[in-house]
Structure formats: C-alpha cells, structure tokens
C-alpha cells in the first residue's frame, strides 16, 4: 500500500511491472524505481498522493516534467546512480519504467 504520512517518510509499494532486461537483478530495479518515484513525488508532485504516480504515468507528455524539470531529474539520476545521461537520451524517457530501464542499461 502506498501512502504519504505527514508524520513520517513517504512509503511506496514497489511491485515489478516490467522485465528490466539490463538490471543485474529485480531487487536493483525495484531500488532504482523507489528512489526515482520518491524523487519525482517530492520534487515535482509534492501535493499528490503516491498512488497517483504509476510506473507508466506519462511524465513529459503528461505535463509533470517540463524541460527544466527534466534537467533536474537527469542531474539526480547522474548523481544518485553514478551514470552519464547523454543529451539525446533525456528525451527518450517519459515514464518511471523507461527511466529505470535507462539507469539499468547504464550501470
């Protein structure tokens, strides 16, 4: 169950929804997904309930991420997961699932 508690940290129920071919194991993919979702919720959807952000929610095309937010997310990914995201790759992800695949591919 996903919930936001005013007295505690954000709690996410992370269930695998895709086959992450490039992650060494599903645990890695779930850890990445949890960190990405938490970042997006805290930075770009602070007043939203966690269950409003699904693995396939359109981020850029749905208006959650604009160009500045995409740069902030990219910086987070590079710092958090020690990867390099090329400029042309920033436009290739539109969902949490696609972000997880990108990170898994680069690790």
Protein backbone atom coordinates (compact mmCIF):
# COMPACT_ATOMS: atom_id res chain seq x y z
CA UNK A 1 0.00 0.00 0.00
CA UNK A 2 1.30 3.46 -0.88
CA UNK A 3 0.74 6.30 1.49
CA UNK A 4 2.08 9.69 2.41
CA UNK A 5 2.23 10.27 6.11
CA UNK A 6 2.53 13.79 7.46
CA UNK A 7 4.43 12.43 10.44
CA UNK A 8 6.70 10.02 8.64
CA UNK A 9 8.53 9.29 5.42
CA UNK A 10 6.95 8.54 2.10
CA UNK A 11 6.15 4.82 1.84
CA UNK A 12 5.92 3.16 -1.56
CA UNK A 13 4.70 -0.26 -2.53
CA UNK A 14 7.02 -1.20 -5.39
CA UNK A 15 5.74 -4.09 -7.43
CA UNK A 16 7.61 -5.22 -10.55
CA UNK A 17 5.60 -4.33 -13.62
CA UNK A 18 8.17 -4.85 -16.34
CA UNK A 19 11.03 -7.10 -17.20
CA UNK A 20 14.12 -4.96 -16.67
CA UNK A 21 16.49 -6.75 -19.01
CA UNK A 22 19.56 -4.71 -18.15
CA UNK A 23 19.45 -4.82 -14.35
CA UNK A 24 21.57 -7.39 -12.63
CA UNK A 25 18.54 -8.44 -10.58
CA UNK A 26 14.97 -7.39 -9.84
CA UNK A 27 15.98 -6.07 -6.43
CA UNK A 28 18.22 -3.49 -8.15
CA UNK A 29 15.38 -2.45 -10.44
CA UNK A 30 13.00 -2.06 -7.50
CA UNK A 31 15.54 0.00 -5.56
CA UNK A 32 16.02 2.28 -8.57
CA UNK A 33 12.26 2.58 -9.06
CA UNK A 34 11.67 3.50 -5.42
CA UNK A 35 14.35 6.22 -5.50
CA UNK A 36 13.10 7.65 -8.80
CA UNK A 37 9.46 7.70 -7.69
CA UNK A 38 10.34 9.28 -4.36
CA UNK A 39 12.37 11.99 -6.11
CA UNK A 40 9.61 12.75 -8.63
CA UNK A 41 6.92 12.85 -5.94
CA UNK A 42 8.93 15.07 -3.61
CA UNK A 43 10.28 17.44 -6.27
CA UNK A 44 7.51 17.69 -8.88
CA UNK A 45 4.33 16.35 -7.27
CA UNK A 46 4.57 17.43 -3.61
CA UNK A 47 0.82 17.70 -3.11
CA UNK A 48 -0.01 14.42 -4.84
CA UNK A 49 -0.77 11.08 -3.31
CA UNK A 50 1.90 8.46 -4.10
CA UNK A 51 -0.59 6.18 -5.86
CA UNK A 52 -1.16 8.92 -8.43
CA UNK A 53 2.30 8.20 -9.88
CA UNK A 54 2.13 4.84 -11.62
CA UNK A 55 5.04 3.14 -13.35
CA UNK A 56 3.58 4.08 -16.73
CA UNK A 57 2.34 7.60 -15.90
CA UNK A 58 3.41 9.91 -18.74
CA UNK A 59 5.83 12.39 -17.20
CA UNK A 60 6.87 14.71 -20.00
CA UNK A 61 3.89 14.24 -22.30
CA UNK A 62 1.58 14.40 -19.25
CA UNK A 63 2.94 17.77 -18.17
CA UNK A 64 4.63 16.61 -14.97
CA UNK A 65 8.12 17.28 -16.34
CA UNK A 66 8.99 20.33 -18.41
CA UNK A 67 12.47 20.97 -19.81
CA UNK A 68 13.86 22.38 -16.54
CA UNK A 69 12.36 19.54 -14.50
CA UNK A 70 13.83 17.02 -16.96
CA UNK A 71 17.27 18.56 -16.39
CA UNK A 72 16.78 18.35 -12.62
CA UNK A 73 15.70 14.71 -12.90
CA UNK A 74 18.66 13.94 -15.16
CA UNK A 75 21.07 15.53 -12.67
CA UNK A 76 19.52 13.44 -9.90
CA UNK A 77 19.92 10.25 -11.94
CA UNK A 78 23.54 11.01 -12.74
CA UNK A 79 24.43 11.78 -9.12
CA UNK A 80 22.34 9.10 -7.43
CA UNK A 81 23.26 6.22 -9.74
CA UNK A 82 26.71 7.37 -10.93
CA UNK A 83 25.76 7.31 -14.61
CA UNK A 84 26.11 9.72 -17.53
CA UNK A 85 22.92 10.59 -19.42
CA UNK A 86 23.64 11.98 -22.87
CA UNK A 87 21.68 14.99 -24.09
CA UNK A 88 19.82 12.96 -26.73
CA UNK A 89 18.77 10.39 -24.09
CA UNK A 90 16.94 12.94 -21.95
CA UNK A 91 14.08 12.97 -24.44
CA UNK A 92 13.87 9.19 -24.60
CA UNK A 93 12.17 8.58 -21.27
CA UNK A 94 8.60 9.51 -20.42
CA UNK A 95 7.69 7.05 -17.64
CA UNK A 96 9.22 5.70 -14.45
CA UNK A 97 9.61 2.33 -16.18
CA UNK A 98 11.59 3.92 -19.01
CA UNK A 99 13.79 5.75 -16.51
CA UNK A 100 14.52 2.50 -14.65
CA UNK A 101 15.42 0.81 -17.93
CA UNK A 102 17.79 3.67 -18.80
CA UNK A 103 19.53 3.50 -15.41
CA UNK A 104 19.79 -0.29 -15.54
CA UNK A 105 21.25 -0.11 -19.04
CA UNK A 106 23.92 2.39 -17.94
CA UNK A 107 25.03 0.68 -14.73
